[in-house]
Amino acid sequence: MSTIARIFDYISYSLNKLPEVISIDEFKGTTNKDKYHCILVDPVKSVVLDILDQRNFDFLVKYFKKFTSRENVKLCGY
């Protein structure tokens, strides 16, 4: 395992507020969860917001329900 991969194990952050613009994409993951994962990006600031190890409907609904700032999102692209 590379040094950078070991460092990532110690990094933890949580997304508290959704930005006005969100870009969502999927990619093939390497965990024991779903085959495809989901990445959330703020394309205005060029920042990765979160990487989700699942992308099914129920999981995403539960994930986004935890944000009280959902009304702030004006544009969502994929």
PDB file of N, CA and C in Angstrom:
ATOM      1  N   MET A   1       0.853  -1.178   0.000  1.00  0.00           N
ATOM      2  CA  MET A   1       0.000   0.000   0.000  1.00  0.00           C
ATOM      3  C   MET A   1       0.896   1.237   0.000  1.00  0.00           C
ATOM      4  N   SER A   2       0.520   2.203  -0.787  1.00  0.00           N
ATOM      5  CA  SER A   2       1.324   3.417  -0.882  1.00  0.00           C
ATOM      6  C   SER A   2       1.155   4.292   0.357  1.00  0.00           C
ATOM      7  N   THR A   3       2.102   5.181   0.553  1.00  0.00           N
ATOM      8  CA  THR A   3       2.055   6.094   1.704  1.00  0.00           C
ATOM      9  C   THR A   3       0.807   6.945   1.679  1.00  0.00           C
ATOM     10  N   ILE A   4       0.460   7.453   0.512  1.00  0.00           N
ATOM     11  CA  ILE A   4      -0.708   8.329   0.423  1.00  0.00           C
ATOM     12  C   ILE A   4      -1.983   7.572   0.778  1.00  0.00           C
ATOM     13  N   ALA A   5      -2.081   6.314   0.392  1.00  0.00           N
ATOM     14  CA  ALA A   5      -3.263   5.513   0.737  1.00  0.00           C
ATOM     15  C   ALA A   5      -3.351   5.310   2.244  1.00  0.00           C
ATOM     16  N   ARG A   6      -2.218   5.126   2.912  1.00  0.00           N
ATOM     17  CA  ARG A   6      -2.218   4.973   4.377  1.00  0.00           C
ATOM     18  C   ARG A   6      -2.628   6.280   5.056  1.00  0.00           C
ATOM     19  N   ILE A   7      -2.201   7.404   4.500  1.00  0.00           N
ATOM     20  CA  ILE A   7      -2.567   8.710   5.068  1.00  0.00           C
ATOM     21  C   ILE A   7      -4.067   8.941   4.959  1.00  0.00           C
ATOM     22  N   PHE A   8      -4.670   8.542   3.848  1.00  0.00           N
ATOM     23  CA  PHE A   8      -6.107   8.735   3.661  1.00  0.00           C
ATOM     24  C   PHE A   8      -6.919   8.005   4.721  1.00  0.00           C
ATOM     25  N   ASP A   9      -6.384   6.924   5.287  1.00  0.00           N
ATOM     26  CA  ASP A   9      -7.087   6.207   6.332  1.00  0.00           C
ATOM     27  C   ASP A   9      -7.286   7.066   7.574  1.00  0.00           C
ATOM     28  N   TYR A  10      -6.451   8.083   7.765  1.00  0.00           N
ATOM     29  CA  TYR A  10      -6.526   8.946   8.941  1.00  0.00           C
ATOM     30  C   TYR A  10      -7.300  10.237   8.691  1.00  0.00           C
ATOM     31  N   ILE A  11      -7.653  10.501   7.464  1.00  0.00           N
ATOM     32  CA  ILE A  11      -8.363  11.732   7.123  1.00  0.00           C
ATOM     33  C   ILE A  11      -9.856  11.474   7.172  1.00  0.00           C
ATOM     34  N   SER A  12     -10.547  12.336   7.839  1.00  0.00           N
ATOM     35  CA  SER A  12     -11.992  12.216   7.925  1.00  0.00           C
ATOM     36  C   SER A  12     -12.598  13.618   7.870  1.00  0.00           C
ATOM     37  N   TYR A  13     -13.611  13.785   7.086  1.00  0.00           N
ATOM     38  CA  TYR A  13     -14.323  15.042   7.022  1.00  0.00           C
ATOM     39  C   TYR A  13     -15.785  14.730   6.804  1.00  0.00           C
ATOM     40  N   SER A  14     -16.600  15.658   7.131  1.00  0.00           N
ATOM     41  CA  SER A  14     -18.025  15.456   6.889  1.00  0.00           C
ATOM     42  C   SER A  14     -18.578  16.695   6.201  1.00  0.00           C
ATOM     43  N   LEU A  15     -19.408  16.457   5.247  1.00  0.00           N
ATOM     44  CA  LEU A  15     -20.057  17.526   4.509  1.00  0.00           C
ATOM     45  C   LEU A  15     -21.240  18.015   5.325  1.00  0.00           C
ATOM     46  N   ASN A  16     -21.216  19.298   5.689  1.00  0.00           N
ATOM     47  CA  ASN A  16     -22.270  19.848   6.533  1.00  0.00           C
ATOM     48  C   ASN A  16     -23.343  20.601   5.750  1.00  0.00           C
ATOM     49  N   LYS A  17     -22.946  21.165   4.626  1.00  0.00           N
ATOM     50  CA  LYS A  17     -23.862  22.014   3.865  1.00  0.00           C
ATOM     51  C   LYS A  17     -23.660  21.756   2.383  1.00  0.00           C
ATOM     52  N   LEU A  18     -24.752  21.672   1.661  1.00  0.00           N
ATOM     53  CA  LEU A  18     -24.680  21.469   0.217  1.00  0.00           C
ATOM     54  C   LEU A  18     -24.484  22.802  -0.486  1.00  0.00           C
ATOM     55  N   PRO A  19     -23.650  22.830  -1.531  1.00  0.00           N
ATOM     56  CA  PRO A  19     -23.469  24.067  -2.291  1.00  0.00           C
ATOM     57  C   PRO A  19     -24.636  24.289  -3.253  1.00  0.00           C
ATOM     58  N   GLU A  20     -24.627  25.414  -3.944  1.00  0.00           N
ATOM     59  CA  GLU A  20     -25.708  25.720  -4.892  1.00  0.00           C
ATOM     60  C   GLU A  20     -25.660  24.843  -6.136  1.00  0.00           C
ATOM     61  N   VAL A  21     -24.477  24.371  -6.491  1.00  0.00           N
ATOM     62  CA  VAL A  21     -24.311  23.536  -7.683  1.00  0.00           C
ATOM     63  C   VAL A  21     -23.616  22.241  -7.279  1.00  0.00           C
ATOM     64  N   ILE A  22     -24.189  21.119  -7.688  1.00  0.00           N
ATOM     65  CA  ILE A  22     -23.606  19.811  -7.406  1.00  0.00           C
ATOM     66  C   ILE A  22     -23.505  19.032  -8.708  1.00  0.00           C
ATOM     67  N   SER A  23     -22.380  18.379  -8.877  1.00  0.00           N
ATOM     68  CA  SER A  23     -22.193  17.483 -10.000  1.00  0.00           C
ATOM     69  C   SER A  23     -22.035  16.073  -9.441  1.00  0.00           C
ATOM     70  N   ILE A  24     -22.736  15.122 -10.041  1.00  0.00           N
ATOM     71  CA  ILE A  24     -22.730  13.745  -9.561  1.00  0.00           C
ATOM     72  C   ILE A  24     -22.260  12.834 -10.689  1.00  0.00           C
ATOM     73  N   ASP A  25     -21.357  11.920 -10.342  1.00  0.00           N
ATOM     74  CA  ASP A  25     -20.881  10.959 -11.334  1.00  0.00           C
ATOM     75  C   ASP A  25     -20.687   9.615 -10.650  1.00  0.00           C
ATOM     76  N   GLU A  26     -20.551   8.589 -11.440  1.00  0.00           N
ATOM     77  CA  GLU A  26     -20.304   7.260 -10.903  1.00  0.00           C
ATOM     78  C   GLU A  26     -18.982   6.735 -11.450  1.00  0.00           C
ATOM     79  N   PHE A  27     -18.396   5.819 -10.706  1.00  0.00           N
ATOM     80  CA  PHE A  27     -17.157   5.186 -11.154  1.00  0.00           C
ATOM     81  C   PHE A  27     -17.092   3.792 -10.560  1.00  0.00           C
ATOM     82  N   LYS A  28     -16.305   2.938 -11.192  1.00  0.00           N
ATOM     83  CA  LYS A  28     -16.159   1.571 -10.706  1.00  0.00           C
ATOM     84  C   LYS A  28     -15.289   1.597  -9.464  1.00  0.00           C
ATOM     85  N   GLY A  29     -15.834   1.105  -8.366  1.00  0.00           N
ATOM     86  CA  GLY A  29     -15.126   1.121  -7.094  1.00  0.00           C
ATOM     87  C   GLY A  29     -14.450  -0.204  -6.791  1.00  0.00           C
ATOM     88  N   THR A  30     -13.713  -0.202  -5.697  1.00  0.00           N
ATOM     89  CA  THR A  30     -12.968  -1.400  -5.327  1.00  0.00           C
ATOM     90  C   THR A  30     -13.261  -1.853  -3.902  1.00  0.00           C
ATOM     91  N   THR A  31     -14.422  -1.503  -3.369  1.00  0.00           N
ATOM     92  CA  THR A  31     -14.777  -1.960  -2.032  1.00  0.00           C
ATOM     93  C   THR A  31     -15.686  -3.173  -2.135  1.00  0.00           C
ATOM     94  N   ASN A  32     -16.062  -3.700  -1.013  1.00  0.00           N
ATOM     95  CA  ASN A  32     -16.949  -4.865  -0.981  1.00  0.00           C
ATOM     96  C   ASN A  32     -18.419  -4.464  -1.031  1.00  0.00           C
ATOM     97  N   LYS A  33     -18.687  -3.190  -1.233  1.00  0.00           N
ATOM     98  CA  LYS A  33     -20.071  -2.711  -1.334  1.00  0.00           C
ATOM     99  C   LYS A  33     -20.521  -2.859  -2.790  1.00  0.00           C
ATOM    100  N   ASP A  34     -21.210  -1.891  -3.324  1.00  0.00           N
ATOM    101  CA  ASP A  34     -21.666  -1.944  -4.711  1.00  0.00           C
ATOM    102  C   ASP A  34     -20.486  -1.890  -5.678  1.00  0.00           C
ATOM    103  N   LYS A  35     -20.727  -2.375  -6.891  1.00  0.00           N
ATOM    104  CA  LYS A  35     -19.685  -2.361  -7.917  1.00  0.00           C
ATOM    105  C   LYS A  35     -19.345  -0.928  -8.316  1.00  0.00           C
ATOM    106  N   TYR A  36     -20.361  -0.073  -8.375  1.00  0.00           N
ATOM    107  CA  TYR A  36     -20.143   1.315  -8.758  1.00  0.00           C
ATOM    108  C   TYR A  36     -20.349   2.226  -7.557  1.00  0.00           C
ATOM    109  N   HIS A  37     -19.534   3.251  -7.475  1.00  0.00           N
ATOM    110  CA  HIS A  37     -19.608   4.242  -6.404  1.00  0.00           C
ATOM    111  C   HIS A  37     -20.065   5.565  -7.003  1.00  0.00           C
ATOM    112  N   CYS A  38     -20.285   6.527  -6.135  1.00  0.00           N
ATOM    113  CA  CYS A  38     -20.810   7.820  -6.545  1.00  0.00           C
ATOM    114  C   CYS A  38     -19.902   8.913  -5.990  1.00  0.00           C
ATOM    115  N   ILE A  39     -19.577   9.881  -6.814  1.00  0.00           N
ATOM    116  CA  ILE A  39     -18.763  11.013  -6.367  1.00  0.00           C
ATOM    117  C   ILE A  39     -19.587  12.287  -6.514  1.00  0.00           C
ATOM    118  N   LEU A  40     -19.563  13.108  -5.473  1.00  0.00           N
ATOM    119  CA  LEU A  40     -20.259  14.391  -5.473  1.00  0.00           C
ATOM    120  C   LEU A  40     -19.212  15.488  -5.529  1.00  0.00           C
ATOM    121  N   VAL A  41     -19.387  16.416  -6.468  1.00  0.00           N
ATOM    122  CA  VAL A  41     -18.389  17.464  -6.695  1.00  0.00           C
ATOM    123  C   VAL A  41     -19.074  18.822  -6.754  1.00  0.00           C
ATOM    124  N   ASP A  42     -18.389  19.824  -6.230  1.00  0.00           N
ATOM    125  CA  ASP A  42     -18.792  21.213  -6.423  1.00  0.00           C
ATOM    126  C   ASP A  42     -18.010  21.699  -7.640  1.00  0.00           C
ATOM    127  N   PRO A  43     -18.646  21.775  -8.824  1.00  0.00           N
ATOM    128  CA  PRO A  43     -17.916  22.149 -10.035  1.00  0.00           C
ATOM    129  C   PRO A  43     -17.516  23.620 -10.077  1.00  0.00           C
ATOM    130  N   VAL A  44     -18.161  24.460  -9.288  1.00  0.00           N
ATOM    131  CA  VAL A  44     -17.823  25.881  -9.257  1.00  0.00           C
ATOM    132  C   VAL A  44     -16.481  26.088  -8.555  1.00  0.00           C
ATOM    133  N   LYS A  45     -16.298  25.395  -7.430  1.00  0.00           N
ATOM    134  CA  LYS A  45     -15.059  25.533  -6.659  1.00  0.00           C
ATOM    135  C   LYS A  45     -14.038  24.436  -6.971  1.00  0.00           C
ATOM    136  N   SER A  46     -14.418  23.495  -7.838  1.00  0.00           N
ATOM    137  CA  SER A  46     -13.554  22.353  -8.183  1.00  0.00           C
ATOM    138  C   SER A  46     -13.126  21.578  -6.935  1.00  0.00           C
ATOM    139  N   VAL A  47     -14.141  21.210  -6.127  1.00  0.00           N
ATOM    140  CA  VAL A  47     -13.887  20.516  -4.878  1.00  0.00           C
ATOM    141  C   VAL A  47     -14.716  19.231  -4.828  1.00  0.00           C
ATOM    142  N   VAL A  48     -14.068  18.141  -4.436  1.00  0.00           N
ATOM    143  CA  VAL A  48     -14.800  16.906  -4.188  1.00  0.00           C
ATOM    144  C   VAL A  48     -15.513  17.052  -2.863  1.00  0.00           C
ATOM    145  N   LEU A  49     -16.818  16.857  -2.856  1.00  0.00           N
ATOM    146  CA  LEU A  49     -17.616  16.989  -1.645  1.00  0.00           C
ATOM    147  C   LEU A  49     -17.672  15.686  -0.863  1.00  0.00           C
ATOM    148  N   ASP A  50     -17.864  14.587  -1.576  1.00  0.00           N
ATOM    149  CA  ASP A  50     -17.958  13.295  -0.907  1.00  0.00           C
ATOM    150  C   ASP A  50     -17.843  12.187  -1.937  1.00  0.00           C
ATOM    151  N   ILE A  51     -17.430  11.026  -1.467  1.00  0.00           N
ATOM    152  CA  ILE A  51     -17.396   9.822  -2.280  1.00  0.00           C
ATOM    153  C   ILE A  51     -18.226   8.787  -1.543  1.00  0.00           C
ATOM    154  N   LEU A  52     -19.247   8.299  -2.215  1.00  0.00           N
ATOM    155  CA  LEU A  52     -20.181   7.363  -1.602  1.00  0.00           C
ATOM    156  C   LEU A  52     -19.941   5.970  -2.167  1.00  0.00           C
ATOM    157  N   ASP A  53     -19.930   4.961  -1.304  1.00  0.00           N
ATOM    158  CA  ASP A  53     -19.640   3.611  -1.777  1.00  0.00           C
ATOM    159  C   ASP A  53     -20.867   2.881  -2.305  1.00  0.00           C
ATOM    160  N   GLN A  54     -21.980   3.594  -2.392  1.00  0.00           N
ATOM    161  CA  GLN A  54     -23.194   3.048  -2.984  1.00  0.00           C
ATOM    162  C   GLN A  54     -23.855   4.141  -3.821  1.00  0.00           C
ATOM    163  N   ARG A  55     -24.673   3.721  -4.762  1.00  0.00           N
ATOM    164  CA  ARG A  55     -25.358   4.715  -5.589  1.00  0.00           C
ATOM    165  C   ARG A  55     -26.815   4.358  -5.837  1.00  0.00           C
ATOM    166  N   ASN A  56     -27.331   3.388  -5.080  1.00  0.00           N
ATOM    167  CA  ASN A  56     -28.716   2.991  -5.304  1.00  0.00           C
ATOM    168  C   ASN A  56     -29.664   4.057  -4.757  1.00  0.00           C
ATOM    169  N   PHE A  57     -30.875   4.046  -5.235  1.00  0.00           N
ATOM    170  CA  PHE A  57     -31.867   5.082  -4.940  1.00  0.00           C
ATOM    171  C   PHE A  57     -32.093   5.260  -3.439  1.00  0.00           C
ATOM    172  N   ASP A  58     -32.354   4.171  -2.749  1.00  0.00           N
ATOM    173  CA  ASP A  58     -32.654   4.261  -1.312  1.00  0.00           C
ATOM    174  C   ASP A  58     -31.490   4.842  -0.521  1.00  0.00           C
ATOM    175  N   PHE A  59     -30.295   4.430  -0.859  1.00  0.00           N
ATOM    176  CA  PHE A  59     -29.108   4.958  -0.175  1.00  0.00           C
ATOM    177  C   PHE A  59     -28.964   6.457  -0.412  1.00  0.00           C
ATOM    178  N   LEU A  60     -29.127   6.902  -1.666  1.00  0.00           N
ATOM    179  CA  LEU A  60     -28.975   8.323  -1.983  1.00  0.00           C
ATOM    180  C   LEU A  60     -30.069   9.174  -1.334  1.00  0.00           C
ATOM    181  N   VAL A  61     -31.288   8.661  -1.294  1.00  0.00           N
ATOM    182  CA  VAL A  61     -32.368   9.395  -0.631  1.00  0.00           C
ATOM    183  C   VAL A  61     -32.036   9.580   0.844  1.00  0.00           C
ATOM    184  N   LYS A  62     -31.619   8.518   1.501  1.00  0.00           N
ATOM    185  CA  LYS A  62     -31.250   8.600   2.918  1.00  0.00           C
ATOM    186  C   LYS A  62     -30.073   9.556   3.125  1.00  0.00           C
ATOM    187  N   TYR A  63     -29.087   9.503   2.234  1.00  0.00           N
ATOM    188  CA  TYR A  63     -27.914  10.373   2.340  1.00  0.00           C
ATOM    189  C   TYR A  63     -28.313  11.851   2.229  1.00  0.00           C
ATOM    190  N   PHE A  64     -29.102  12.194   1.223  1.00  0.00           N
ATOM    191  CA  PHE A  64     -29.453  13.600   1.004  1.00  0.00           C
ATOM    192  C   PHE A  64     -30.489  14.120   2.008  1.00  0.00           C
ATOM    193  N   LYS A  65     -31.271  13.240   2.601  1.00  0.00           N
ATOM    194  CA  LYS A  65     -32.248  13.677   3.606  1.00  0.00           C
ATOM    195  C   LYS A  65     -31.584  14.250   4.850  1.00  0.00           C
ATOM    196  N   LYS A  66     -30.348  13.887   5.109  1.00  0.00           N
ATOM    197  CA  LYS A  66     -29.682  14.384   6.319  1.00  0.00           C
ATOM    198  C   LYS A  66     -29.290  15.859   6.210  1.00  0.00           C
ATOM    199  N   PHE A  67     -29.368  16.426   5.022  1.00  0.00           N
ATOM    200  CA  PHE A  67     -29.000  17.829   4.818  1.00  0.00           C
ATOM    201  C   PHE A  67     -30.231  18.726   4.922  1.00  0.00           C
ATOM    202  N   THR A  68     -30.163  19.696   5.813  1.00  0.00           N
ATOM    203  CA  THR A  68     -31.246  20.672   5.901  1.00  0.00           C
ATOM    204  C   THR A  68     -31.082  21.740   4.833  1.00  0.00           C
ATOM    205  N   SER A  69     -29.912  21.754   4.187  1.00  0.00           N
ATOM    206  CA  SER A  69     -29.613  22.774   3.173  1.00  0.00           C
ATOM    207  C   SER A  69     -29.966  22.316   1.754  1.00  0.00           C
ATOM    208  N   ARG A  70     -30.814  21.311   1.614  1.00  0.00           N
ATOM    209  CA  ARG A  70     -31.177  20.818   0.278  1.00  0.00           C
ATOM    210  C   ARG A  70     -31.794  21.906  -0.586  1.00  0.00           C
ATOM    211  N   GLU A  71     -32.506  22.827   0.033  1.00  0.00           N
ATOM    212  CA  GLU A  71     -33.161  23.906  -0.699  1.00  0.00           C
ATOM    213  C   GLU A  71     -32.148  24.859  -1.335  1.00  0.00           C
ATOM    214  N   ASN A  72     -30.917  24.860  -0.845  1.00  0.00           N
ATOM    215  CA  ASN A  72     -29.881  25.736  -1.398  1.00  0.00           C
ATOM    216  C   ASN A  72     -29.407  25.307  -2.776  1.00  0.00           C
ATOM    217  N   VAL A  73     -29.603  24.030  -3.103  1.00  0.00           N
ATOM    218  CA  VAL A  73     -29.119  23.497  -4.380  1.00  0.00           C
ATOM    219  C   VAL A  73     -29.987  24.041  -5.510  1.00  0.00           C
ATOM    220  N   LYS A  74     -29.360  24.747  -6.431  1.00  0.00           N
ATOM    221  CA  LYS A  74     -30.070  25.340  -7.565  1.00  0.00           C
ATOM    222  C   LYS A  74     -29.891  24.521  -8.846  1.00  0.00           C
ATOM    223  N   LEU A  75     -28.766  23.792  -8.940  1.00  0.00           N
ATOM    224  CA  LEU A  75     -28.449  23.058 -10.150  1.00  0.00           C
ATOM    225  C   LEU A  75     -27.716  21.775  -9.797  1.00  0.00           C
ATOM    226  N   CYS A  76     -28.163  20.690 -10.384  1.00  0.00           N
ATOM    227  CA  CYS A  76     -27.518  19.402 -10.159  1.00  0.00           C
ATOM    228  C   CYS A  76     -27.279  18.767 -11.515  1.00  0.00           C
ATOM    229  N   GLY A  77     -26.031  18.493 -11.811  1.00  0.00           N
ATOM    230  CA  GLY A  77     -25.693  17.897 -13.102  1.00  0.00           C
ATOM    231  C   GLY A  77     -25.023  16.563 -12.938  1.00  0.00           C
ATOM    232  N   TYR A  78     -25.033  15.820 -14.024  1.00  0.00           N
ATOM    233  CA  TYR A  78     -24.377  14.520 -14.010  1.00  0.00           C
ATOM    234  C   TYR A  78     -23.738  14.259 -15.346  1.00  0.00           C
TER     235      TYR A  78
END
